[in-house]
Protein backbone atom coordinates (compact mmCIF):
# COMPACT_ATOMS: atom_id res chain seq x y z
CA MET A 1 -9.42 -5.05 -0.99
CA LYS A 2 -12.02 -7.67 -2.60
CA ASP A 3 -10.81 -10.83 -4.51
CA ILE A 4 -11.01 -10.28 -8.13
CA THR A 5 -14.17 -10.95 -9.89
CA ILE A 6 -14.45 -14.34 -11.85
CA LEU A 7 -16.92 -13.94 -14.45
CA GLN A 8 -19.07 -16.74 -15.78
CA MET A 9 -21.11 -16.54 -19.04
CA ARG A 10 -24.38 -16.48 -16.88
CA ASP A 11 -23.07 -13.36 -15.12
CA LEU A 12 -23.48 -11.15 -18.48
CA THR A 13 -26.06 -10.48 -20.47
CA GLU A 14 -29.25 -12.19 -20.65
CA GLU A 15 -28.62 -13.58 -24.27
CA VAL A 16 -25.59 -14.92 -22.91
CA LYS A 17 -26.79 -17.11 -19.86
CA GLY A 18 -27.28 -20.51 -20.39
CA ALA A 19 -25.27 -20.07 -23.93
CA ASP A 20 -21.98 -21.81 -24.60
CA PHE A 21 -21.06 -19.47 -27.26
CA TYR A 22 -21.77 -15.69 -27.72
CA ALA A 23 -20.58 -12.92 -30.44
CA ASN A 24 -21.47 -9.38 -30.78
CA THR A 25 -19.85 -5.96 -31.99
CA ILE A 26 -17.93 -4.57 -29.13
CA PRO A 27 -19.97 -1.21 -29.01
CA GLN A 28 -22.94 -3.30 -28.54
CA HIS A 29 -21.48 -5.69 -26.03
CA LEU A 30 -20.33 -2.67 -24.24
CA ILE A 31 -23.96 -1.26 -24.05
CA THR A 32 -24.84 -4.32 -21.48
CA ASN A 33 -21.64 -5.09 -20.04
CA HIS A 34 -19.78 -1.72 -19.41
CA ASP A 35 -19.28 -2.27 -15.65
CA HIS A 36 -17.23 -5.80 -16.20
CA VAL A 37 -14.79 -4.09 -18.69
CA GLU A 38 -12.95 -1.50 -16.84
CA LYS A 39 -12.46 -3.09 -13.56
CA PRO A 40 -9.96 -5.99 -13.47
CA HIS A 41 -11.60 -9.29 -13.85
CA ARG A 42 -11.22 -12.86 -14.78
CA HIS A 43 -13.44 -15.24 -16.91
CA ASP A 44 -13.83 -18.81 -16.88
CA PHE A 45 -14.34 -18.92 -20.40
CA TYR A 46 -12.23 -18.05 -24.00
CA VAL A 47 -12.33 -14.57 -24.88
CA CYS A 48 -11.41 -13.30 -28.39
CA MET A 49 -11.89 -9.58 -29.91
CA ILE A 50 -10.43 -7.81 -32.92
CA PHE A 51 -10.51 -3.95 -32.81
CA THR A 52 -11.52 -1.98 -36.24
CA LYS A 53 -11.37 1.42 -35.10
CA GLY A 54 -10.62 3.61 -31.84
CA SER A 55 -7.88 3.21 -29.52
CA GLY A 56 -7.28 2.66 -25.85
CA THR A 57 -5.30 0.46 -23.28
CA HIS A 58 -5.88 -3.35 -22.65
CA GLU A 59 -3.97 -4.48 -19.88
CA ILE A 60 -3.83 -8.63 -19.48
CA ASP A 61 -1.75 -10.09 -16.58
CA PHE A 62 0.21 -6.67 -15.99
CA GLN A 63 1.32 -6.52 -19.52
CA SER A 64 0.01 -3.42 -21.30
CA TYR A 65 -1.21 -3.37 -24.73
CA GLU A 66 -2.13 -0.42 -27.13
CA ILE A 67 -5.18 -1.02 -28.76
CA GLN A 68 -5.30 0.03 -32.60
CA PRO A 69 -7.37 -1.18 -35.70
CA GLY A 70 -6.13 -4.66 -36.47
CA MET A 71 -5.20 -5.47 -33.07
CA VAL A 72 -6.37 -9.07 -32.01
CA PHE A 73 -6.49 -10.49 -28.46
CA MET A 74 -7.24 -13.95 -27.22
CA LEU A 75 -7.51 -14.70 -23.35
CA ALA A 76 -7.81 -18.09 -21.92
CA PRO A 77 -9.59 -18.85 -18.55
CA GLY A 78 -8.41 -17.57 -15.34
CA GLN A 79 -6.29 -14.65 -17.09
CA THR A 80 -6.91 -11.24 -15.63
CA HIS A 81 -7.68 -8.13 -17.71
CA SER A 82 -9.30 -4.56 -17.99
CA TRP A 83 -9.25 -2.15 -20.77
CA ILE A 84 -9.93 1.52 -21.22
CA LEU A 85 -11.39 2.18 -24.62
CA SER A 86 -11.81 5.43 -26.71
CA GLU A 87 -15.68 6.66 -27.67
CA ASP A 88 -15.33 5.63 -31.19
CA ILE A 89 -14.20 2.12 -30.49
CA ASP A 90 -15.54 -0.48 -32.80
CA GLY A 91 -14.89 -4.30 -33.80
CA TYR A 92 -16.19 -7.70 -32.91
CA ILE A 93 -15.84 -9.98 -29.65
CA PHE A 94 -16.73 -13.66 -29.03
CA PHE A 95 -16.46 -16.15 -26.27
CA HIS A 96 -17.12 -19.39 -25.55
CA THR A 97 -16.62 -22.51 -23.06
CA GLN A 98 -13.70 -25.16 -23.57
CA GLU A 99 -16.16 -27.83 -23.66
CA TYR A 100 -18.02 -26.13 -26.59
CA PHE A 101 -15.02 -26.20 -28.72
CA ASP A 102 -13.80 -29.53 -28.09
CA LEU A 103 -16.89 -31.32 -28.08
CA PHE A 104 -16.97 -30.86 -32.12
CA PHE A 105 -13.19 -31.97 -32.50
CA VAL A 106 -12.09 -35.50 -31.79
CA ARG A 107 -8.30 -35.17 -32.39
CA GLU A 108 -8.11 -31.38 -31.51
CA THR A 109 -8.22 -29.52 -28.32
CA ILE A 110 -8.33 -25.76 -27.93
CA ARG A 111 -5.32 -25.83 -25.50
CA GLU A 112 -3.35 -26.76 -28.30
CA TYR A 113 -3.29 -23.61 -30.15
CA PRO A 114 0.08 -21.87 -29.41
CA VAL A 115 -1.19 -18.63 -27.68
CA PHE A 116 -3.01 -20.99 -25.28
CA ARG A 117 -0.35 -23.38 -24.78
CA SER A 118 2.42 -21.46 -23.21
CA ALA A 119 1.98 -18.29 -21.25
CA TYR A 120 5.24 -16.95 -23.08
CA TYR A 121 3.25 -16.05 -26.20
CA PRO A 122 1.65 -12.59 -26.47
CA ASN A 123 -2.01 -12.43 -25.76
CA GLY A 124 -2.68 -9.37 -28.21
CA PHE A 125 -0.94 -8.49 -31.50
CA LEU A 126 -1.40 -6.76 -34.56
CA LEU A 127 -2.31 -8.76 -37.75
CA ASN A 128 -1.15 -7.65 -41.36
CA GLU A 129 -3.70 -6.14 -43.35
CA GLU A 130 -4.74 -9.57 -45.30
CA SER A 131 -5.31 -11.43 -42.17
CA SER A 132 -7.08 -8.32 -40.34
CA VAL A 133 -9.72 -8.07 -43.17
CA LEU A 134 -10.20 -12.08 -43.12
CA VAL A 135 -10.52 -12.33 -39.61
CA GLU A 136 -12.73 -9.34 -39.28
CA ASN A 137 -15.05 -11.06 -41.82
CA LEU A 138 -15.01 -14.53 -39.85
CA MET A 139 -16.14 -12.37 -36.71
CA LYS A 140 -18.87 -10.59 -38.47
CA ARG A 141 -20.16 -13.93 -39.74
CA MET A 142 -20.04 -15.33 -35.98
CA THR A 143 -22.10 -12.35 -34.92
CA ASP A 144 -24.59 -12.71 -37.81
CA GLU A 145 -24.90 -16.44 -37.12
CA VAL A 146 -25.07 -16.80 -33.37
CA SER A 147 -28.52 -14.32 -33.67
CA GLN A 148 -30.17 -16.88 -36.34
CA PRO A 149 -32.06 -20.09 -35.51
CA ASN A 150 -30.26 -21.67 -38.64
CA TRP A 151 -29.53 -25.48 -39.38
CA LYS A 152 -26.11 -26.75 -37.85
CA LYS A 153 -25.67 -23.35 -36.57
CA ASN A 154 -23.32 -24.79 -33.69
CA PHE A 155 -21.43 -26.54 -36.10
CA SER A 156 -20.96 -23.14 -38.45
CA LEU A 157 -19.67 -21.43 -35.10
CA VAL A 158 -17.48 -23.70 -33.89
CA ASN A 159 -15.87 -23.93 -37.53
CA LEU A 160 -16.01 -20.06 -37.87
CA ALA A 161 -14.09 -20.20 -34.20
CA SER A 162 -11.32 -22.66 -35.41
CA LEU A 163 -10.72 -20.74 -38.87
CA PHE A 164 -10.26 -17.58 -36.75
CA TYR A 165 -7.84 -19.39 -34.27
CA ILE A 166 -5.74 -21.00 -37.21
CA GLU A 167 -5.50 -17.58 -39.08
CA CYS A 168 -4.54 -15.70 -35.68
CA ASN A 169 -1.95 -18.11 -34.45
CA ARG A 170 0.03 -18.39 -37.83
CA GLN A 171 0.39 -14.92 -37.83
CA LEU A 172 1.61 -15.28 -34.18
CA LEU A 173 4.12 -17.95 -35.24
CA GLU A 174 5.41 -15.81 -37.82
CA GLY A 175 6.04 -12.86 -35.59
CA ASN A 176 7.80 -14.67 -32.56
CA SER A 177 11.06 -15.80 -32.71
CA PHE A 178 11.14 -18.55 -30.03
CA SER A 179 7.94 -19.91 -31.63
CA ALA A 180 9.31 -20.83 -34.80
CA VAL A 181 11.27 -23.89 -33.85
CA PRO A 182 9.56 -26.65 -35.81
CA ASN A 183 10.46 -29.14 -33.19
CA LEU A 184 6.88 -30.83 -32.08
CA GLN A 185 8.39 -33.11 -29.35
CA TYR A 186 10.03 -29.81 -27.75
CA ASN A 187 6.68 -28.40 -27.83
CA GLN A 188 4.66 -31.06 -26.51
CA HIS A 189 7.38 -31.20 -23.56
CA LEU A 190 6.90 -27.73 -22.83
CA HIS A 191 3.27 -28.18 -22.97
CA HIS A 192 3.59 -30.79 -20.58
CA PHE A 193 5.74 -29.02 -18.13
CA GLU A 194 3.62 -25.71 -18.16
CA ASN A 195 0.54 -28.24 -17.43
CA LEU A 196 2.51 -29.66 -14.34
CA LEU A 197 3.56 -26.26 -13.31
CA GLU A 198 -0.14 -24.86 -13.48
CA LYS A 199 -1.21 -27.47 -11.01
CA ASN A 200 1.72 -27.58 -8.73
CA PHE A 201 3.56 -24.29 -8.55
CA ARG A 202 2.40 -23.40 -4.94
CA THR A 203 3.94 -26.51 -3.61
CA GLU A 204 6.59 -27.32 -5.79
CA LYS A 205 9.45 -25.33 -6.89
CA SER A 206 12.29 -27.79 -7.76
CA ALA A 207 13.06 -28.01 -11.70
CA ALA A 208 14.45 -31.32 -10.91
CA VAL A 209 11.29 -32.64 -9.59
CA TYR A 210 9.22 -31.53 -12.52
CA ALA A 211 11.83 -33.11 -15.13
CA GLU A 212 11.41 -36.39 -12.65
CA TRP A 213 7.61 -36.29 -13.08
CA MET A 214 8.31 -35.95 -17.03
CA ASN A 215 10.46 -39.02 -16.97
CA MET A 216 13.46 -36.89 -18.43
CA THR A 217 16.70 -35.24 -16.80
CA GLN A 218 16.74 -31.89 -15.62
CA LYS A 219 19.47 -30.99 -18.39
CA HIS A 220 16.94 -32.06 -21.01
CA LEU A 221 13.97 -30.39 -19.75
CA ASN A 222 16.26 -26.87 -19.29
CA ARG A 223 17.29 -27.54 -22.70
CA VAL A 224 13.60 -27.51 -24.10
CA CYS A 225 12.94 -24.55 -22.09
CA LYS A 226 16.05 -22.60 -23.24
CA THR A 227 15.51 -23.77 -27.22
CA LEU A 228 11.72 -22.54 -27.04
CA LEU A 229 11.64 -19.45 -24.63
CA ASP A 230 15.59 -18.71 -23.95
CA LYS A 231 14.44 -19.33 -20.27
CA THR A 232 15.68 -21.59 -17.65
CA THR A 233 13.33 -24.06 -16.21
CA THR A 234 13.92 -22.20 -12.93
CA ASP A 235 13.26 -18.99 -14.72
CA ILE A 236 9.75 -20.39 -16.05
CA ILE A 237 9.06 -21.59 -12.27
CA ILE A 238 9.71 -18.37 -10.80
CA ASP A 239 7.71 -16.33 -13.11
CA ARG A 240 4.56 -18.11 -12.56
CA ILE A 241 4.87 -17.67 -8.80
CA VAL A 242 5.66 -13.83 -9.21
CA LEU A 243 2.49 -13.42 -11.79
CA GLU A 244 0.27 -15.19 -9.01
CA ALA A 245 1.99 -13.17 -6.31
CA LYS A 246 0.93 -9.85 -8.25
CA ARG A 247 -2.43 -10.95 -8.84
CA MET A 248 -2.80 -11.60 -4.98
CA LEU A 249 -1.31 -8.31 -3.99
CA ILE A 250 -3.57 -6.29 -6.11
CA TYR A 251 -6.77 -8.22 -6.05
CA THR A 252 -7.14 -9.69 -2.39
CA GLY A 253 -6.86 -8.25 1.17
CA LYS A 254 -4.54 -10.67 2.35
CA SER A 255 -1.16 -9.94 4.18
CA PHE A 256 2.26 -10.10 2.66
CA SER A 257 3.13 -12.88 5.06
CA GLU A 258 -0.26 -14.78 4.12
CA ILE A 259 0.27 -14.44 0.44
CA ALA A 260 4.09 -16.00 0.83
CA MET A 261 2.88 -18.66 2.79
CA MET A 262 -0.08 -19.50 0.18
CA LEU A 263 2.60 -19.67 -2.60
CA GLY A 264 4.57 -21.79 -0.41
CA TYR A 265 7.07 -19.68 0.85
CA ASP A 266 7.36 -20.12 5.08
CA ASP A 267 9.89 -17.33 5.34
CA TYR A 268 8.42 -13.83 3.84
CA SER A 269 11.71 -12.34 3.67
CA TYR A 270 12.81 -14.95 1.43
CA PHE A 271 9.69 -14.66 -0.99
CA SER A 272 10.28 -10.84 -1.02
CA LYS A 273 14.00 -11.38 -2.21
CA VAL A 274 12.69 -13.64 -4.84
CA PHE A 275 9.96 -11.29 -6.16
CA LYS A 276 12.18 -8.23 -6.03
CA LYS A 277 15.20 -10.19 -8.03
CA ARG A 278 12.42 -10.89 -10.55
CA THR A 279 10.67 -7.61 -10.85
CA GLY A 280 13.22 -5.05 -9.51
CA ILE A 281 10.86 -4.03 -6.77
CA SER A 282 9.69 -5.29 -3.72
CA PRO A 283 5.87 -6.44 -2.97
CA LYS A 284 5.16 -3.65 -0.99
CA GLU A 285 6.50 -1.26 -3.77
CA PHE A 286 4.86 -3.03 -6.35
CA LEU A 287 1.61 -2.89 -4.22
CA LYS A 288 1.87 1.01 -3.93
CA LYS A 289 2.50 1.19 -7.82
CA TYR A 290 -0.84 -0.22 -8.54
CA VAL A 291 -3.12 0.94 -5.36
């Protein structure tokens, strides 16, 4: 089994090579990039889309979403996804590098948007009718703007993208109970914890150690996680390990023992118990389900 493909912008169409921002209609995008769509893959850039017509299924990190008009998706670099689309599919897509977006903002980074700040926000959701019209118009303007040599073109594109992110994340916050907590400090703590976890989950699995790194008690870090996500600190650590295990099981040719070792478990049987406790099935059963 081959390692999962990580697409860079230069791997796509000729007009994308060397660019930091791309926008197009979904039908036109599929004409030249169809081979990348149905096979699971990752990007090293941000990808956003809205569907205005058609149906299908979009799978992101083993979470399956049913596509329908008004459905919007926002993916961060490194997430695994694939989709199956109906022949009458329509909508808009844009993507850009992190550097492109952050370059234009002194006090803001794209990682601060809720959908990219925590792995527990859904990557896809249905917009209400008013927001759907607004977002569709923003993406149409991006598609028109990107193909023209207009004055201050990049400034226009990044501001259109910013308006897109603001509108979609407002809708996201309204639709999720755990995200409605207006505690900025708690959100900052969670963001800090998840950043540390992303860098260290293969080698460090102790909630107490993460709390120590953050200069707080384990009890307080646990309170932050429970308040915002209704999960313990340990739950979040295990969730991240299991997600990576799923990716490796499906997209690499490594043995169960090798995967366990790479994730910091010397004893495969213990790793298998951790995996089964979280998913309800063993790694072997999970692999059979997807292969």
